[in-house]
């Protein structure tokens, strides 16, 4: 299903949101389809990104109430999420709760830090910036709102 088809199906069930907009995106990682499947299944209810990219690209931060359609790498729309909470914290202040909600690996903070340090280091190099443990991280919590119970 395309993102437009998914949005149309959502709006047919929720016409009150017809004037809303959405962003469609694929996770940036070594395993984006796996993260999308974790999201669709309801295991992954949070994500984190480097604040430096929002500043570099002059983009607004996500905010509570925002809609996003999660895509697989082939462009297939998997599910619609709605942002519930956003916070910006230094890397070393990301909480164990955030790591758990991200649903990856063993869901521990130690795992999260190891994987995200590697990811942020590689990602930041693309814009000629360096990873540091006090760099700002955008922590976003969300819930799947359509369709619910999507098989991954």
Protein backbone atom coordinates (compact mmCIF):
# COMPACT_ATOMS: atom_id res chain seq x y z
CA UNK A 1 0.00 0.00 0.00
CA UNK A 2 1.25 3.50 -0.73
CA UNK A 3 1.41 6.25 1.87
CA UNK A 4 -1.46 8.08 0.11
CA UNK A 5 -3.61 4.94 0.17
CA UNK A 6 -2.95 4.41 3.87
CA UNK A 7 -3.75 8.06 4.64
CA UNK A 8 -6.97 7.83 2.60
CA UNK A 9 -8.03 4.71 4.54
CA UNK A 10 -7.26 6.44 7.82
CA UNK A 11 -9.27 9.53 6.83
CA UNK A 12 -12.24 7.41 5.79
CA UNK A 13 -12.31 6.06 9.36
CA UNK A 14 -11.38 9.44 10.93
CA UNK A 15 -12.85 12.26 8.81
CA UNK A 16 -12.27 14.69 11.69
CA UNK A 17 -8.56 14.67 10.73
CA UNK A 18 -9.11 15.55 7.04
CA UNK A 19 -7.36 18.91 7.45
CA UNK A 20 -4.30 17.37 9.12
CA UNK A 21 -1.01 16.59 7.41
CA UNK A 22 1.57 13.85 7.83
CA UNK A 23 5.22 13.10 7.14
CA UNK A 24 6.19 9.78 5.53
CA UNK A 25 9.58 8.33 6.36
CA UNK A 26 11.71 5.25 6.64
CA UNK A 27 13.90 4.65 9.68
CA UNK A 28 17.55 5.61 9.23
CA UNK A 29 19.53 2.62 10.46
CA UNK A 30 21.24 -0.55 9.31
CA UNK A 31 17.89 -2.36 9.76
CA UNK A 32 15.11 0.08 8.83
CA UNK A 33 12.56 -2.59 7.87
CA UNK A 34 13.11 -4.37 11.19
CA UNK A 35 12.47 -1.11 13.07
CA UNK A 36 9.36 -0.49 10.97
CA UNK A 37 8.08 -3.99 11.84
CA UNK A 38 8.76 -3.36 15.55
CA UNK A 39 6.76 -0.14 15.25
CA UNK A 40 3.82 -1.75 13.45
CA UNK A 41 3.67 -4.50 16.06
CA UNK A 42 3.54 -1.94 18.90
CA UNK A 43 6.87 -3.00 20.43
CA UNK A 44 8.74 0.11 19.29
CA UNK A 45 6.96 3.16 20.72
CA UNK A 46 9.85 5.63 20.66
CA UNK A 47 12.73 6.75 18.51
CA UNK A 48 15.73 9.04 18.83
CA UNK A 49 17.57 11.26 16.40
CA UNK A 50 20.48 13.65 16.47
CA UNK A 51 19.36 17.23 17.10
CA UNK A 52 22.23 18.39 14.87
CA UNK A 53 20.34 17.17 11.79
CA UNK A 54 17.28 19.28 12.57
CA UNK A 55 19.54 22.31 12.91
CA UNK A 56 21.56 21.43 9.79
CA UNK A 57 18.44 20.88 7.65
CA UNK A 58 16.59 23.81 9.29
CA UNK A 59 13.65 21.52 10.09
CA UNK A 60 11.13 21.84 12.88
CA UNK A 61 11.32 19.29 15.66
CA UNK A 62 8.48 16.80 15.85
CA UNK A 63 5.75 17.76 18.31
CA UNK A 64 2.92 16.06 20.14
CA UNK A 65 0.02 15.42 17.79
CA UNK A 66 2.12 15.06 14.62
CA UNK A 67 1.24 12.20 12.26
CA UNK A 68 3.87 10.07 10.51
CA UNK A 69 3.51 7.21 8.08
CA UNK A 70 6.22 4.61 8.59
CA UNK A 71 7.59 3.22 5.35
CA UNK A 72 9.53 0.09 4.50
CA UNK A 73 12.64 0.60 2.38
CA UNK A 74 10.67 -0.41 -0.72
CA UNK A 75 8.30 2.52 -0.09
CA UNK A 76 5.42 0.41 1.22
CA UNK A 77 3.42 2.21 3.89
CA UNK A 78 3.28 0.07 7.01
CA UNK A 79 1.43 2.11 9.62
CA UNK A 80 0.44 5.56 10.83
CA UNK A 81 1.83 6.80 14.14
CA UNK A 82 1.04 9.87 16.20
CA UNK A 83 3.67 11.61 18.28
CA UNK A 84 2.77 11.80 21.96
CA UNK A 85 5.85 13.37 23.55
CA UNK A 86 9.12 14.96 22.46
CA UNK A 87 12.12 15.89 24.58
CA UNK A 88 15.64 17.04 23.78
CA UNK A 89 18.34 15.74 26.11
CA UNK A 90 22.10 15.14 26.04
CA UNK A 91 23.05 11.66 24.81
CA UNK A 92 24.19 10.56 28.27
CA UNK A 93 20.85 11.63 29.79
CA UNK A 94 18.72 9.41 27.57
CA UNK A 95 16.84 7.21 30.04
CA UNK A 96 16.51 3.47 30.39
CA UNK A 97 12.77 3.97 29.84
CA UNK A 98 13.44 5.61 26.46
CA UNK A 99 15.80 2.79 25.48
CA UNK A 100 13.19 0.20 26.46
CA UNK A 101 10.45 1.97 24.49
CA UNK A 102 12.67 1.99 21.40
CA UNK A 103 12.27 -1.81 21.43
CA UNK A 104 15.66 -2.71 19.95
CA UNK A 105 18.04 -5.51 20.95
CA UNK A 106 17.63 -6.47 24.60
CA UNK A 107 15.92 -3.08 25.20
CA UNK A 108 18.59 -2.07 27.74
CA UNK A 109 20.18 1.37 28.05
CA UNK A 110 23.63 -0.20 27.56
CA UNK A 111 22.52 -1.71 24.24
CA UNK A 112 20.87 1.57 23.19
CA UNK A 113 24.02 3.58 23.93
CA UNK A 114 26.29 1.18 22.04
CA UNK A 115 24.09 1.05 18.93
CA UNK A 116 23.25 4.75 18.90
CA UNK A 117 26.82 5.89 19.49
CA UNK A 118 27.85 3.97 16.37
CA UNK A 119 24.85 5.20 14.38
CA UNK A 120 25.21 8.85 15.42
CA UNK A 121 28.97 8.79 14.77
CA UNK A 122 28.40 7.60 11.19
CA UNK A 123 25.41 9.87 10.60
CA UNK A 124 27.08 13.02 11.94
CA UNK A 125 30.18 12.43 9.81
CA UNK A 126 27.94 13.04 6.77
CA UNK A 127 27.49 16.67 7.88
CA UNK A 128 31.07 17.05 9.13
CA UNK A 129 30.16 16.87 12.81
CA UNK A 130 31.38 14.58 15.53
CA UNK A 131 29.65 12.45 18.09
CA UNK A 132 29.97 13.49 21.72
CA UNK A 133 28.31 12.17 24.84
CA UNK A 134 26.84 15.61 25.54
CA UNK A 135 25.37 16.03 22.03
CA UNK A 136 21.63 16.68 21.97
CA UNK A 137 19.25 13.86 21.11
CA UNK A 138 15.62 14.30 20.11
CA UNK A 139 13.61 11.63 21.91
CA UNK A 140 10.18 11.03 20.45
CA UNK A 141 7.45 8.82 21.89
CA UNK A 142 4.52 7.74 19.71
CA UNK A 143 1.75 5.23 19.31
CA UNK A 144 0.45 3.35 16.29
CA UNK A 145 -2.99 4.69 15.47
CA UNK A 146 -3.72 3.03 12.11
CA UNK A 147 -3.98 0.28 11.31
CA UNK A 148 -3.65 -1.33 14.68
CA UNK A 149 -2.35 -4.89 14.81
CA UNK A 150 -0.69 -4.70 11.39
CA UNK A 151 1.29 -7.85 10.67
CA UNK A 152 4.97 -7.02 10.08
